[in-house]
C-alpha atoms as a PDB file:
ATOM      1  CA  UNK A   1      -9.058   3.891  15.678  1.00  0.00           C
ATOM      2  CA  UNK A   2      -6.254   1.436  14.877  1.00  0.00           C
ATOM      3  CA  UNK A   3      -8.230  -1.526  16.248  1.00  0.00           C
ATOM      4  CA  UNK A   4     -11.325  -0.460  14.287  1.00  0.00           C
ATOM      5  CA  UNK A   5      -9.171  -0.238  11.152  1.00  0.00           C
ATOM      6  CA  UNK A   6      -7.955  -3.818  11.748  1.00  0.00           C
ATOM      7  CA  UNK A   7     -11.513  -5.090  12.237  1.00  0.00           C
ATOM      8  CA  UNK A   8     -12.900  -3.142   9.263  1.00  0.00           C
ATOM      9  CA  UNK A   9     -11.217  -5.372   6.691  1.00  0.00           C
ATOM     10  CA  UNK A  10     -12.656  -8.495   8.323  1.00  0.00           C
ATOM     11  CA  UNK A  11     -16.172  -7.114   8.705  1.00  0.00           C
ATOM     12  CA  UNK A  12     -18.674  -8.849   6.439  1.00  0.00           C
ATOM     13  CA  UNK A  13     -18.431 -11.146   3.464  1.00  0.00           C
ATOM     14  CA  UNK A  14     -17.831  -8.367   0.924  1.00  0.00           C
ATOM     15  CA  UNK A  15     -14.793  -6.998   2.759  1.00  0.00           C
ATOM     16  CA  UNK A  16     -13.335 -10.463   3.372  1.00  0.00           C
ATOM     17  CA  UNK A  17     -13.711 -11.281  -0.336  1.00  0.00           C
ATOM     18  CA  UNK A  18     -12.174  -7.927  -1.268  1.00  0.00           C
ATOM     19  CA  UNK A  19      -9.221  -8.618   1.045  1.00  0.00           C
ATOM     20  CA  UNK A  20      -8.740 -12.073  -0.490  1.00  0.00           C
ATOM     21  CA  UNK A  21      -8.706 -10.492  -3.955  1.00  0.00           C
ATOM     22  CA  UNK A  22      -6.147  -7.923  -2.752  1.00  0.00           C
ATOM     23  CA  UNK A  23      -3.963 -10.767  -1.465  1.00  0.00           C
ATOM     24  CA  UNK A  24      -4.318 -12.691  -4.734  1.00  0.00           C
ATOM     25  CA  UNK A  25      -3.197  -9.676  -6.771  1.00  0.00           C
ATOM     26  CA  UNK A  26      -0.405  -8.926  -4.290  1.00  0.00           C
ATOM     27  CA  UNK A  27       0.977 -12.476  -4.569  1.00  0.00           C
ATOM     28  CA  UNK A  28       1.000 -12.142  -8.348  1.00  0.00           C
ATOM     29  CA  UNK A  29       2.726  -8.745  -8.134  1.00  0.00           C
ATOM     30  CA  UNK A  30       5.344 -10.125  -5.730  1.00  0.00           C
ATOM     31  CA  UNK A  31       6.017 -13.009  -8.139  1.00  0.00           C
ATOM     32  CA  UNK A  32       6.386 -10.529 -11.033  1.00  0.00           C
ATOM     33  CA  UNK A  33       8.881  -8.585  -8.883  1.00  0.00           C
ATOM     34  CA  UNK A  34      10.937 -11.767  -8.445  1.00  0.00           C
ATOM     35  CA  UNK A  35       9.660 -12.625  -4.950  1.00  0.00           C
ATOM     36  CA  UNK A  36      11.802 -10.000  -3.207  1.00  0.00           C
ATOM     37  CA  UNK A  37      13.616 -11.016  -0.041  1.00  0.00           C
ATOM     38  CA  UNK A  38      13.560  -7.636   1.750  1.00  0.00           C
ATOM     39  CA  UNK A  39      10.200  -5.843   1.567  1.00  0.00           C
ATOM     40  CA  UNK A  40       9.146  -2.528   3.055  1.00  0.00           C
ATOM     41  CA  UNK A  41       5.387  -2.602   3.752  1.00  0.00           C
ATOM     42  CA  UNK A  42       4.472   1.094   3.804  1.00  0.00           C
ATOM     43  CA  UNK A  43       2.018   1.989   5.151  1.00  0.00           C
ATOM     44  CA  UNK A  44       1.491  -1.306   6.927  1.00  0.00           C
ATOM     45  CA  UNK A  45      -1.545  -0.114   8.869  1.00  0.00           C
ATOM     46  CA  UNK A  46      -2.673  -2.873  11.216  1.00  0.00           C
ATOM     47  CA  UNK A  47      -0.451  -5.399   9.405  1.00  0.00           C
ATOM     48  CA  UNK A  48      -3.217  -6.975   7.361  1.00  0.00           C
ATOM     49  CA  UNK A  49      -0.781  -8.056   4.616  1.00  0.00           C
ATOM     50  CA  UNK A  50       1.940  -9.348   6.962  1.00  0.00           C
ATOM     51  CA  UNK A  51       0.710 -12.982   6.966  1.00  0.00           C
ATOM     52  CA  UNK A  52       0.675 -12.995   3.149  1.00  0.00           C
ATOM     53  CA  UNK A  53       4.106 -11.338   2.951  1.00  0.00           C
ATOM     54  CA  UNK A  54       5.431 -13.892   5.453  1.00  0.00           C
ATOM     55  CA  UNK A  55       4.379 -16.815   3.235  1.00  0.00           C
ATOM     56  CA  UNK A  56       7.878 -16.710   1.721  1.00  0.00           C
ATOM     57  CA  UNK A  57       9.906 -18.252   4.568  1.00  0.00           C
ATOM     58  CA  UNK A  58      13.126 -16.269   4.083  1.00  0.00           C
ATOM     59  CA  UNK A  59      11.529 -12.883   3.355  1.00  0.00           C
ATOM     60  CA  UNK A  60      12.447 -10.042   5.707  1.00  0.00           C
ATOM     61  CA  UNK A  61       9.576  -7.600   6.249  1.00  0.00           C
ATOM     62  CA  UNK A  62       9.864  -4.043   7.471  1.00  0.00           C
ATOM     63  CA  UNK A  63       6.415  -2.951   8.616  1.00  0.00           C
ATOM     64  CA  UNK A  64       6.353   0.841   8.457  1.00  0.00           C
ATOM     65  CA  UNK A  65       3.662   3.337   9.287  1.00  0.00           C
ATOM     66  CA  UNK A  66       3.321   6.993  10.235  1.00  0.00           C
ATOM     67  CA  UNK A  67       1.086   5.967  13.147  1.00  0.00           C
ATOM     68  CA  UNK A  68       2.706   4.403  16.197  1.00  0.00           C
ATOM     69  CA  UNK A  69      -0.760   3.185  17.255  1.00  0.00           C
ATOM     70  CA  UNK A  70      -1.136   1.238  14.005  1.00  0.00           C
ATOM     71  CA  UNK A  71       2.259  -0.400  14.532  1.00  0.00           C
ATOM     72  CA  UNK A  72       1.340  -1.376  18.114  1.00  0.00           C
ATOM     73  CA  UNK A  73      -2.032  -2.802  17.064  1.00  0.00           C
ATOM     74  CA  UNK A  74      -0.419  -4.734  14.218  1.00  0.00           C
ATOM     75  CA  UNK A  75       2.086  -6.274  16.621  1.00  0.00           C
ATOM     76  CA  UNK A  76      -0.695  -7.171  19.081  1.00  0.00           C
ATOM     77  CA  UNK A  77      -3.274  -8.561  16.663  1.00  0.00           C
ATOM     78  CA  UNK A  78      -1.272 -10.339  13.969  1.00  0.00           C
ATOM     79  CA  UNK A  79      -0.113 -13.929  14.578  1.00  0.00           C
ATOM     80  CA  UNK A  80       2.963 -14.105  16.840  1.00  0.00           C
ATOM     81  CA  UNK A  81       4.956 -16.216  14.359  1.00  0.00           C
ATOM     82  CA  UNK A  82       4.405 -13.503  11.724  1.00  0.00           C
ATOM     83  CA  UNK A  83       5.119 -10.571  14.057  1.00  0.00           C
ATOM     84  CA  UNK A  84       8.518 -11.967  15.030  1.00  0.00           C
ATOM     85  CA  UNK A  85       9.518 -11.760  11.329  1.00  0.00           C
ATOM     86  CA  UNK A  86       8.544  -8.084  10.987  1.00  0.00           C
ATOM     87  CA  UNK A  87      10.812  -5.188  11.879  1.00  0.00           C
ATOM     88  CA  UNK A  88       8.556  -2.254  12.871  1.00  0.00           C
ATOM     89  CA  UNK A  89       9.520   1.204  11.636  1.00  0.00           C
ATOM     90  CA  UNK A  90       7.771   4.436  12.589  1.00  0.00           C
ATOM     91  CA  UNK A  91       8.271   6.674   9.543  1.00  0.00           C
ATOM     92  CA  UNK A  92       6.571   8.847   6.951  1.00  0.00           C
ATOM     93  CA  UNK A  93       6.153   7.971   3.284  1.00  0.00           C
ATOM     94  CA  UNK A  94       7.402  11.479   2.503  1.00  0.00           C
ATOM     95  CA  UNK A  95      10.695  10.936   4.325  1.00  0.00           C
ATOM     96  CA  UNK A  96      11.418   7.238   4.859  1.00  0.00           C
ATOM     97  CA  UNK A  97      13.884   6.622   7.686  1.00  0.00           C
ATOM     98  CA  UNK A  98      16.026   4.259   5.605  1.00  0.00           C
ATOM     99  CA  UNK A  99      19.117   4.837   3.467  1.00  0.00           C
ATOM    100  CA  UNK A 100      19.196   4.860  -0.340  1.00  0.00           C
ATOM    101  CA  UNK A 101      18.596   1.456  -1.982  1.00  0.00           C
ATOM    102  CA  UNK A 102      17.773  -0.086   1.405  1.00  0.00           C
ATOM    103  CA  UNK A 103      15.125  -2.620   0.306  1.00  0.00           C
ATOM    104  CA  UNK A 104      14.436  -4.931  -2.624  1.00  0.00           C
ATOM    105  CA  UNK A 105      10.825  -3.827  -2.926  1.00  0.00           C
ATOM    106  CA  UNK A 106       8.312  -1.431  -1.445  1.00  0.00           C
ATOM    107  CA  UNK A 107       4.839  -2.879  -0.943  1.00  0.00           C
ATOM    108  CA  UNK A 108       2.351   0.004  -0.869  1.00  0.00           C
ATOM    109  CA  UNK A 109      -1.292  -0.976  -0.610  1.00  0.00           C
ATOM    110  CA  UNK A 110      -4.009   1.608  -0.160  1.00  0.00           C
ATOM    111  CA  UNK A 111      -1.976   4.795   0.244  1.00  0.00           C
ATOM    112  CA  UNK A 112      -1.886   6.728  -3.018  1.00  0.00           C
ATOM    113  CA  UNK A 113      -5.665   6.779  -3.459  1.00  0.00           C
ATOM    114  CA  UNK A 114      -5.726   8.956  -0.315  1.00  0.00           C
ATOM    115  CA  UNK A 115      -3.347  11.507  -1.862  1.00  0.00           C
ATOM    116  CA  UNK A 116      -5.235  13.951  -4.060  1.00  0.00           C
ATOM    117  CA  UNK A 117      -2.419  16.409  -4.717  1.00  0.00           C
ATOM    118  CA  UNK A 118      -0.163  15.432  -7.640  1.00  0.00           C
ATOM    119  CA  UNK A 119       2.908  17.081  -6.066  1.00  0.00           C
ATOM    120  CA  UNK A 120       2.434  15.063  -2.874  1.00  0.00           C
ATOM    121  CA  UNK A 121       2.094  11.814  -4.858  1.00  0.00           C
ATOM    122  CA  UNK A 122       5.233  12.686  -6.797  1.00  0.00           C
ATOM    123  CA  UNK A 123       7.134  13.419  -3.570  1.00  0.00           C
ATOM    124  CA  UNK A 124       6.150   9.998  -2.203  1.00  0.00           C
ATOM    125  CA  UNK A 125       7.068   8.253  -5.457  1.00  0.00           C
ATOM    126  CA  UNK A 126      10.465   9.966  -5.548  1.00  0.00           C
ATOM    127  CA  UNK A 127      11.097   8.847  -1.976  1.00  0.00           C
ATOM    128  CA  UNK A 128      10.125   5.294  -2.979  1.00  0.00           C
ATOM    129  CA  UNK A 129      12.549   5.490  -5.895  1.00  0.00           C
ATOM    130  CA  UNK A 130      15.313   6.537  -3.497  1.00  0.00           C
ATOM    131  CA  UNK A 131      14.719   3.715  -0.997  1.00  0.00           C
ATOM    132  CA  UNK A 132      14.072   0.718  -3.272  1.00  0.00           C
ATOM    133  CA  UNK A 133      16.801  -0.943  -5.286  1.00  0.00           C
ATOM    134  CA  UNK A 134      14.440  -2.898  -7.510  1.00  0.00           C
ATOM    135  CA  UNK A 135      10.662  -2.506  -7.426  1.00  0.00           C
ATOM    136  CA  UNK A 136       7.554  -0.913  -5.978  1.00  0.00           C
ATOM    137  CA  UNK A 137       4.177  -2.623  -5.784  1.00  0.00           C
ATOM    138  CA  UNK A 138       1.402  -0.042  -5.574  1.00  0.00           C
ATOM    139  CA  UNK A 139      -2.344  -0.390  -5.343  1.00  0.00           C
ATOM    140  CA  UNK A 140      -4.560   2.595  -6.016  1.00  0.00           C
ATOM    141  CA  UNK A 141      -7.917   3.472  -7.508  1.00  0.00           C
ATOM    142  CA  UNK A 142      -7.835   4.394 -11.176  1.00  0.00           C
ATOM    143  CA  UNK A 143     -10.542   5.101 -13.717  1.00  0.00           C
ATOM    144  CA  UNK A 144     -11.784   2.621 -16.274  1.00  0.00           C
ATOM    145  CA  UNK A 145     -13.444  -0.034 -14.110  1.00  0.00           C
ATOM    146  CA  UNK A 146     -16.804  -0.679 -12.444  1.00  0.00           C
ATOM    147  CA  UNK A 147     -15.717   0.334  -8.919  1.00  0.00           C
ATOM    148  CA  UNK A 148     -14.286   3.623 -10.200  1.00  0.00           C
ATOM    149  CA  UNK A 149     -17.482   4.361 -12.084  1.00  0.00           C
ATOM    150  CA  UNK A 150     -19.535   3.517  -8.988  1.00  0.00           C
ATOM    151  CA  UNK A 151     -17.378   5.775  -6.786  1.00  0.00           C
ATOM    152  CA  UNK A 152     -17.615   8.673  -9.256  1.00  0.00           C
ATOM    153  CA  UNK A 153     -21.399   8.292  -9.470  1.00  0.00           C
ATOM    154  CA  UNK A 154     -21.654   8.250  -5.688  1.00  0.00           C
ATOM    155  CA  UNK A 155     -19.570  11.439  -5.408  1.00  0.00           C
ATOM    156  CA  UNK A 156     -21.726  13.187  -8.025  1.00  0.00           C
ATOM    157  CA  UNK A 157     -24.934  12.257  -6.169  1.00  0.00           C
ATOM    158  CA  UNK A 158     -23.800  13.495  -2.790  1.00  0.00           C
ATOM    159  CA  UNK A 159     -21.532  16.316  -4.006  1.00  0.00           C
ATOM    160  CA  UNK A 160     -18.268  17.426  -2.433  1.00  0.00           C
ATOM    161  CA  UNK A 161     -18.823  17.596   1.303  1.00  0.00           C
ATOM    162  CA  UNK A 162     -15.755  18.862   3.130  1.00  0.00           C
ATOM    163  CA  UNK A 163     -12.584  16.830   3.269  1.00  0.00           C
ATOM    164  CA  UNK A 164     -12.183  14.095   0.669  1.00  0.00           C
ATOM    165  CA  UNK A 165      -9.849  11.270   1.629  1.00  0.00           C
ATOM    166  CA  UNK A 166     -10.190   8.924  -1.350  1.00  0.00           C
ATOM    167  CA  UNK A 167      -9.619   9.700  -4.999  1.00  0.00           C
ATOM    168  CA  UNK A 168     -10.173   7.841  -8.250  1.00  0.00           C
ATOM    169  CA  UNK A 169      -7.286   8.955 -10.429  1.00  0.00           C
ATOM    170  CA  UNK A 170      -6.973   8.828 -14.213  1.00  0.00           C
ATOM    171  CA  UNK A 171      -4.650   5.903 -15.008  1.00  0.00           C
ATOM    172  CA  UNK A 172      -2.784   7.988 -17.597  1.00  0.00           C
ATOM    173  CA  UNK A 173      -2.061  10.653 -14.959  1.00  0.00           C
ATOM    174  CA  UNK A 174      -0.549   8.307 -12.389  1.00  0.00           C
ATOM    175  CA  UNK A 175       1.399   6.421 -15.059  1.00  0.00           C
ATOM    176  CA  UNK A 176       3.054   9.712 -16.055  1.00  0.00           C
ATOM    177  CA  UNK A 177       3.798  10.399 -12.385  1.00  0.00           C
ATOM    178  CA  UNK A 178       5.438   6.974 -12.021  1.00  0.00           C
ATOM    179  CA  UNK A 179       7.650   7.724 -15.014  1.00  0.00           C
ATOM    180  CA  UNK A 180       8.471  11.227 -13.689  1.00  0.00           C
ATOM    181  CA  UNK A 181       9.682   9.618 -10.455  1.00  0.00           C
ATOM    182  CA  UNK A 182      12.006   7.324 -12.403  1.00  0.00           C
ATOM    183  CA  UNK A 183       9.944   4.136 -12.577  1.00  0.00           C
ATOM    184  CA  UNK A 184       9.109   1.883 -15.501  1.00  0.00           C
ATOM    185  CA  UNK A 185       5.728   0.182 -15.315  1.00  0.00           C
ATOM    186  CA  UNK A 186       6.281  -3.558 -15.514  1.00  0.00           C
ATOM    187  CA  UNK A 187       2.672  -4.725 -15.232  1.00  0.00           C
ATOM    188  CA  UNK A 188      -0.829  -3.580 -14.347  1.00  0.00           C
ATOM    189  CA  UNK A 189      -3.096  -5.924 -12.447  1.00  0.00           C
END
């Protein structure tokens, strides 16, 4: 599963372009956050953002994931010069195995759109607020754009079929949740 996840984001032109766009937005977000020196990548998955995070030569990266298999695959498949700069950490986003104010920034790509329950999102955000001393960079699916409209239309056509693992959230809802957790929104990209 972990190897398939790594390959998925490189499969086909559309996914490669989407990944490049994710990296472009992430670079901009990191610059807005002051190019943090100590970054927690959670969940890091198969490490697909490690090479981009390692572009800043003196940045320390903690690659964290709830799946030990993902961490192993990331260490096997990412470039060796990048891997040696990443400290792996097996942990949960609900209870991060780091002390208060441990990192400059938390880099969280593609997690919160998998969390449909508002209380679970809030628990994660509060844990992020505890662990970071400065910023959190989050990507998630919100309403108000073409992809969200397309996803909603697709869900309406096929109907709810069992477990749903991706959610398009109202932007106003998640913005309130960010504020409830103690964050101030600096920028939306």
